[in-house]
Amino acid sequence: MPVVPQSAYPGPPWYQYNGHLQTVIPTTFRRVNRIYYERERLELPDGDFLDLDWINNGSRDLVILSHGLEGSSDRTYVKGMARFFHKQHWDVLAWNCRSCSGEMNRNFRLYYHGDTEDISQVINHVLTKRNYKRLVLIGFSMGGNITLKYVGTKGKNLPKPISHAIAFST
C-alpha cells in the first residue's frame, strides 16, 4: 500500500493551538445528526456476537469503520466518517467491538488492541454476504491498531477487494 510522501493538511485552526484543545473542542461542540444505521447481529463461532451498523446505498464500494477504545458506531467521529462516505454514495459498515454496542456480550472474552479475530469475522461475513468491488478499512485509535494489524498479518493473503487501509491516531 502506498505511503503519502507529504500532506496537504494546513494544520489546525488558530484557536486549537494545542492537542488538548484539538481533542476537547470537537468532542464538545461537534454534532453529527441524521445518521440512521440498520443494525445486523453477526453470530460468532464462539457463541458470542458483534453488532454491525449499516448504511446501504446499493453501492459496490464499502467502507468498514472501526471505532476506538470504549467507542462505538454511535460516536461522533465514526458518524462523521459514515456521513462523508454516505454522501459519496458508498455503503458504510460501522462495526462494534464486543460489549460496545449497548449490550453486554455473552462470553467473558472482550476486545483488545491486537485482536484481529473479530474484524476478520466481519470482513469474511461481508465478502460472503455481498459482492463488493472495493473495500476500504478505516480505524480510529484502537480501531486503527486493529486495522493495521489485520492488514499486516494478512499480508499477501489480504482479500482482493480491500484496496486501502487508513488509521487515525493509533
C-alpha atoms as a PDB file:
ATOM      1  CA  MET A   1       0.000   0.000   0.000  1.00  0.00           C
ATOM      2  CA  PRO A   2       1.350   3.456  -0.838  1.00  0.00           C
ATOM      3  CA  VAL A   3       2.641   5.860   1.760  1.00  0.00           C
ATOM      4  CA  VAL A   4       1.692   9.516   1.254  1.00  0.00           C
ATOM      5  CA  PRO A   5       5.018  11.412   0.921  1.00  0.00           C
ATOM      6  CA  GLN A   6       3.626  14.714   2.149  1.00  0.00           C
ATOM      7  CA  SER A   7       0.325  16.055   3.369  1.00  0.00           C
ATOM      8  CA  ALA A   8      -1.695  18.984   2.078  1.00  0.00           C
ATOM      9  CA  TYR A   9      -3.188  19.398   5.562  1.00  0.00           C
ATOM     10  CA  PRO A  10      -2.719  23.064   6.534  1.00  0.00           C
ATOM     11  CA  GLY A  11      -2.830  22.392  10.276  1.00  0.00           C
ATOM     12  CA  PRO A  12      -5.468  23.041  12.929  1.00  0.00           C
ATOM     13  CA  PRO A  13      -7.425  26.295  13.202  1.00  0.00           C
ATOM     14  CA  TRP A  14      -5.697  29.048  15.189  1.00  0.00           C
ATOM     15  CA  TYR A  15      -7.885  28.516  18.274  1.00  0.00           C
ATOM     16  CA  GLN A  16      -6.860  24.856  18.543  1.00  0.00           C
ATOM     17  CA  TYR A  17      -3.218  25.641  19.291  1.00  0.00           C
ATOM     18  CA  ASN A  18      -2.532  22.512  21.349  1.00  0.00           C
ATOM     19  CA  GLY A  19      -3.502  18.856  21.402  1.00  0.00           C
ATOM     20  CA  HIS A  20      -5.840  19.233  24.368  1.00  0.00           C
ATOM     21  CA  LEU A  21      -7.955  21.853  22.607  1.00  0.00           C
ATOM     22  CA  GLN A  22      -7.862  19.837  19.389  1.00  0.00           C
ATOM     23  CA  THR A  23      -9.461  16.970  21.325  1.00  0.00           C
ATOM     24  CA  VAL A  24     -11.858  18.832  23.633  1.00  0.00           C
ATOM     25  CA  ILE A  25     -13.382  21.386  21.234  1.00  0.00           C
ATOM     26  CA  PRO A  26     -14.609  18.942  18.547  1.00  0.00           C
ATOM     27  CA  THR A  27     -15.774  16.460  21.191  1.00  0.00           C
ATOM     28  CA  THR A  28     -17.751  19.134  22.991  1.00  0.00           C
ATOM     29  CA  PHE A  29     -19.239  21.083  20.107  1.00  0.00           C
ATOM     30  CA  ARG A  30     -19.378  18.843  17.010  1.00  0.00           C
ATOM     31  CA  ARG A  31     -22.709  17.176  16.284  1.00  0.00           C
ATOM     32  CA  VAL A  32     -23.443  14.717  13.509  1.00  0.00           C
ATOM     33  CA  ASN A  33     -27.178  14.350  13.073  1.00  0.00           C
ATOM     34  CA  ARG A  34     -29.411  12.291  10.831  1.00  0.00           C
ATOM     35  CA  ILE A  35     -27.231   9.222  10.515  1.00  0.00           C
ATOM     36  CA  TYR A  36     -29.512   6.202  10.527  1.00  0.00           C
ATOM     37  CA  TYR A  37     -27.977   2.767  10.718  1.00  0.00           C
ATOM     38  CA  GLU A  38     -29.605  -0.555  10.047  1.00  0.00           C
ATOM     39  CA  ARG A  39     -28.329  -2.988  12.680  1.00  0.00           C
ATOM     40  CA  GLU A  40     -27.338  -6.557  11.922  1.00  0.00           C
ATOM     41  CA  ARG A  41     -26.229  -9.029  14.566  1.00  0.00           C
ATOM     42  CA  LEU A  42     -23.363 -11.241  13.467  1.00  0.00           C
ATOM     43  CA  GLU A  43     -23.308 -14.504  15.409  1.00  0.00           C
ATOM     44  CA  LEU A  44     -19.747 -15.704  16.013  1.00  0.00           C
ATOM     45  CA  PRO A  45     -18.450 -19.295  16.095  1.00  0.00           C
ATOM     46  CA  ASP A  46     -17.614 -18.966  19.822  1.00  0.00           C
ATOM     47  CA  GLY A  47     -21.298 -18.316  20.680  1.00  0.00           C
ATOM     48  CA  ASP A  48     -20.883 -14.560  21.035  1.00  0.00           C
ATOM     49  CA  PHE A  49     -21.969 -11.755  18.698  1.00  0.00           C
ATOM     50  CA  LEU A  50     -20.947  -8.498  17.057  1.00  0.00           C
ATOM     51  CA  ASP A  51     -23.388  -5.752  16.159  1.00  0.00           C
ATOM     52  CA  LEU A  52     -22.879  -4.306  12.689  1.00  0.00           C
ATOM     53  CA  ASP A  53     -24.396  -0.944  11.785  1.00  0.00           C
ATOM     54  CA  TRP A  54     -25.015  -0.451   8.067  1.00  0.00           C
ATOM     55  CA  ILE A  55     -25.848   2.418   5.762  1.00  0.00           C
ATOM     56  CA  ASN A  56     -26.806   0.829   2.469  1.00  0.00           C
ATOM     57  CA  ASN A  57     -26.620   2.879  -0.727  1.00  0.00           C
ATOM     58  CA  GLY A  58     -26.668  -0.130  -3.052  1.00  0.00           C
ATOM     59  CA  SER A  59     -23.034   0.556  -3.913  1.00  0.00           C
ATOM     60  CA  ARG A  60     -20.325  -1.898  -4.924  1.00  0.00           C
ATOM     61  CA  ASP A  61     -17.915   0.106  -2.714  1.00  0.00           C
ATOM     62  CA  LEU A  62     -17.864  -0.386   1.055  1.00  0.00           C
ATOM     63  CA  VAL A  63     -16.053   1.383   3.861  1.00  0.00           C
ATOM     64  CA  ILE A  64     -15.649  -0.539   7.125  1.00  0.00           C
ATOM     65  CA  LEU A  65     -15.238   1.716  10.161  1.00  0.00           C
ATOM     66  CA  SER A  66     -13.586   0.531  13.388  1.00  0.00           C
ATOM     67  CA  HIS A  67     -14.067   2.669  16.496  1.00  0.00           C
ATOM     68  CA  GLY A  68     -11.604   3.441  19.270  1.00  0.00           C
ATOM     69  CA  LEU A  69     -11.303   2.116  22.819  1.00  0.00           C
ATOM     70  CA  GLU A  70     -14.661   2.271  24.617  1.00  0.00           C
ATOM     71  CA  GLY A  71     -16.185   3.791  21.481  1.00  0.00           C
ATOM     72  CA  SER A  72     -18.992   2.578  19.276  1.00  0.00           C
ATOM     73  CA  SER A  73     -20.641   3.210  15.931  1.00  0.00           C
ATOM     74  CA  ASP A  74     -22.566   5.996  17.654  1.00  0.00           C
ATOM     75  CA  ARG A  75     -19.501   8.143  18.388  1.00  0.00           C
ATOM     76  CA  THR A  76     -19.321  11.460  16.584  1.00  0.00           C
ATOM     77  CA  TYR A  77     -16.044  10.658  14.800  1.00  0.00           C
ATOM     78  CA  VAL A  78     -17.490   7.411  13.404  1.00  0.00           C
ATOM     79  CA  LYS A  79     -20.792   9.016  12.422  1.00  0.00           C
ATOM     80  CA  GLY A  80     -18.926  11.891  10.753  1.00  0.00           C
ATOM     81  CA  MET A  81     -16.935   9.472   8.609  1.00  0.00           C
ATOM     82  CA  ALA A  82     -20.081   7.447   7.901  1.00  0.00           C
ATOM     83  CA  ARG A  83     -21.872  10.600   6.756  1.00  0.00           C
ATOM     84  CA  PHE A  84     -18.958  11.543   4.473  1.00  0.00           C
ATOM     85  CA  PHE A  85     -18.926   8.169   2.704  1.00  0.00           C
ATOM     86  CA  HIS A  86     -22.733   8.025   2.583  1.00  0.00           C
ATOM     87  CA  LYS A  87     -22.708  11.347   0.708  1.00  0.00           C
ATOM     88  CA  GLN A  88     -20.167   9.834  -1.716  1.00  0.00           C
ATOM     89  CA  HIS A  89     -22.720   7.038  -2.369  1.00  0.00           C
ATOM     90  CA  TRP A  90     -20.691   4.299  -0.680  1.00  0.00           C
ATOM     91  CA  ASP A  91     -22.124   1.595   1.540  1.00  0.00           C
ATOM     92  CA  VAL A  92     -20.956   2.021   5.130  1.00  0.00           C
ATOM     93  CA  LEU A  93     -20.406  -0.599   7.821  1.00  0.00           C
ATOM     94  CA  ALA A  94     -19.548   0.643  11.315  1.00  0.00           C
ATOM     95  CA  TRP A  95     -18.956  -2.435  13.446  1.00  0.00           C
ATOM     96  CA  ASN A  96     -18.998  -2.505  17.228  1.00  0.00           C
ATOM     97  CA  CYS A  97     -16.407  -4.431  19.210  1.00  0.00           C
ATOM     98  CA  ARG A  98     -17.731  -6.893  21.779  1.00  0.00           C
ATOM     99  CA  SER A  99     -19.765  -5.127  24.509  1.00  0.00           C
ATOM    100  CA  CYS A 100     -19.590  -1.737  22.737  1.00  0.00           C
ATOM    101  CA  SER A 101     -22.994  -1.715  21.027  1.00  0.00           C
ATOM    102  CA  GLY A 102     -25.016  -1.037  24.163  1.00  0.00           C
ATOM    103  CA  GLU A 103     -25.494  -4.675  25.071  1.00  0.00           C
ATOM    104  CA  MET A 104     -23.056  -6.792  27.063  1.00  0.00           C
ATOM    105  CA  ASN A 105     -21.753  -9.830  25.239  1.00  0.00           C
ATOM    106  CA  ARG A 106     -22.463 -13.429  26.204  1.00  0.00           C
ATOM    107  CA  ASN A 107     -18.860 -14.559  26.714  1.00  0.00           C
ATOM    108  CA  PHE A 108     -16.219 -13.314  29.123  1.00  0.00           C
ATOM    109  CA  ARG A 109     -13.931 -12.551  26.178  1.00  0.00           C
ATOM    110  CA  LEU A 110     -13.990  -8.882  25.230  1.00  0.00           C
ATOM    111  CA  TYR A 111     -11.752  -6.972  22.820  1.00  0.00           C
ATOM    112  CA  TYR A 112      -8.217  -5.584  22.859  1.00  0.00           C
ATOM    113  CA  HIS A 113      -5.840  -3.545  20.724  1.00  0.00           C
ATOM    114  CA  GLY A 114      -4.253  -6.536  18.997  1.00  0.00           C
ATOM    115  CA  ASP A 115      -7.415  -8.507  18.298  1.00  0.00           C
ATOM    116  CA  THR A 116      -7.840  -9.277  14.613  1.00  0.00           C
ATOM    117  CA  GLU A 117     -10.158 -12.260  15.007  1.00  0.00           C
ATOM    118  CA  ASP A 118     -13.332 -10.186  15.152  1.00  0.00           C
ATOM    119  CA  ILE A 119     -12.502  -7.862  12.252  1.00  0.00           C
ATOM    120  CA  SER A 120     -11.631 -10.979  10.242  1.00  0.00           C
ATOM    121  CA  GLN A 121     -15.100 -12.372  11.029  1.00  0.00           C
ATOM    122  CA  VAL A 122     -16.690  -9.071   9.946  1.00  0.00           C
ATOM    123  CA  ILE A 123     -14.766  -8.922   6.665  1.00  0.00           C
ATOM    124  CA  ASN A 124     -15.414 -12.599   5.860  1.00  0.00           C
ATOM    125  CA  HIS A 125     -19.122 -12.063   6.580  1.00  0.00           C
ATOM    126  CA  VAL A 126     -19.243  -9.021   4.303  1.00  0.00           C
ATOM    127  CA  LEU A 127     -17.465 -10.798   1.468  1.00  0.00           C
ATOM    128  CA  THR A 128     -19.818 -13.795   1.600  1.00  0.00           C
ATOM    129  CA  LYS A 129     -22.949 -11.669   2.011  1.00  0.00           C
ATOM    130  CA  ARG A 130     -22.421  -9.086  -0.733  1.00  0.00           C
ATOM    131  CA  ASN A 131     -20.375  -8.733  -3.893  1.00  0.00           C
ATOM    132  CA  TYR A 132     -18.301  -5.620  -3.216  1.00  0.00           C
ATOM    133  CA  LYS A 133     -15.807  -4.462  -5.802  1.00  0.00           C
ATOM    134  CA  ARG A 134     -13.806  -2.358  -3.324  1.00  0.00           C
ATOM    135  CA  LEU A 135     -13.423  -2.330   0.451  1.00  0.00           C
ATOM    136  CA  VAL A 136     -11.671   0.393   2.407  1.00  0.00           C
ATOM    137  CA  LEU A 137     -10.842  -0.151   6.082  1.00  0.00           C
ATOM    138  CA  ILE A 138     -10.717   2.888   8.373  1.00  0.00           C
ATOM    139  CA  GLY A 139      -9.855   2.687  12.044  1.00  0.00           C
ATOM    140  CA  PHE A 140      -9.657   5.255  14.804  1.00  0.00           C
ATOM    141  CA  SER A 141      -7.228   4.918  17.712  1.00  0.00           C
ATOM    142  CA  MET A 142      -7.574   1.294  18.903  1.00  0.00           C
ATOM    143  CA  GLY A 143      -9.613   0.545  15.767  1.00  0.00           C
ATOM    144  CA  GLY A 144      -6.668   1.877  13.747  1.00  0.00           C
ATOM    145  CA  ASN A 145      -4.359  -0.552  15.545  1.00  0.00           C
ATOM    146  CA  ILE A 146      -6.736  -3.405  14.801  1.00  0.00           C
ATOM    147  CA  THR A 147      -6.984  -2.329  11.146  1.00  0.00           C
ATOM    148  CA  LEU A 148      -3.227  -2.080  10.665  1.00  0.00           C
ATOM    149  CA  LYS A 149      -2.525  -5.362  12.446  1.00  0.00           C
ATOM    150  CA  TYR A 150      -5.167  -7.126  10.339  1.00  0.00           C
ATOM    151  CA  VAL A 151      -3.632  -5.823   7.103  1.00  0.00           C
ATOM    152  CA  GLY A 152      -0.112  -6.623   8.306  1.00  0.00           C
ATOM    153  CA  THR A 153      -0.867 -10.161   9.408  1.00  0.00           C
ATOM    154  CA  LYS A 154      -2.803 -10.957   6.236  1.00  0.00           C
ATOM    155  CA  GLY A 155      -0.026  -9.624   4.029  1.00  0.00           C
ATOM    156  CA  LYS A 156      -0.302 -11.179   0.567  1.00  0.00           C
ATOM    157  CA  ASN A 157      -3.396 -13.106   1.721  1.00  0.00           C
ATOM    158  CA  LEU A 158      -5.402  -9.913   2.159  1.00  0.00           C
ATOM    159  CA  PRO A 159      -8.816 -10.308   0.497  1.00  0.00           C
ATOM    160  CA  LYS A 160      -8.662  -8.865  -3.030  1.00  0.00           C
ATOM    161  CA  PRO A 161     -11.437  -6.252  -2.640  1.00  0.00           C
ATOM    162  CA  ILE A 162      -9.508  -4.453   0.139  1.00  0.00           C
ATOM    163  CA  SER A 163      -7.840  -1.557  -1.645  1.00  0.00           C
ATOM    164  CA  HIS A 164      -6.892   0.752   1.240  1.00  0.00           C
ATOM    165  CA  ALA A 165      -6.419   0.750   4.996  1.00  0.00           C
ATOM    166  CA  ILE A 166      -6.412   4.053   6.867  1.00  0.00           C
ATOM    167  CA  ALA A 167      -5.638   4.585  10.535  1.00  0.00           C
ATOM    168  CA  PHE A 168      -6.178   7.718  12.628  1.00  0.00           C
ATOM    169  CA  SER A 169      -4.446   8.404  15.948  1.00  0.00           C
ATOM    170  CA  THR A 170      -3.030   4.953  16.515  1.00  0.00           C
END
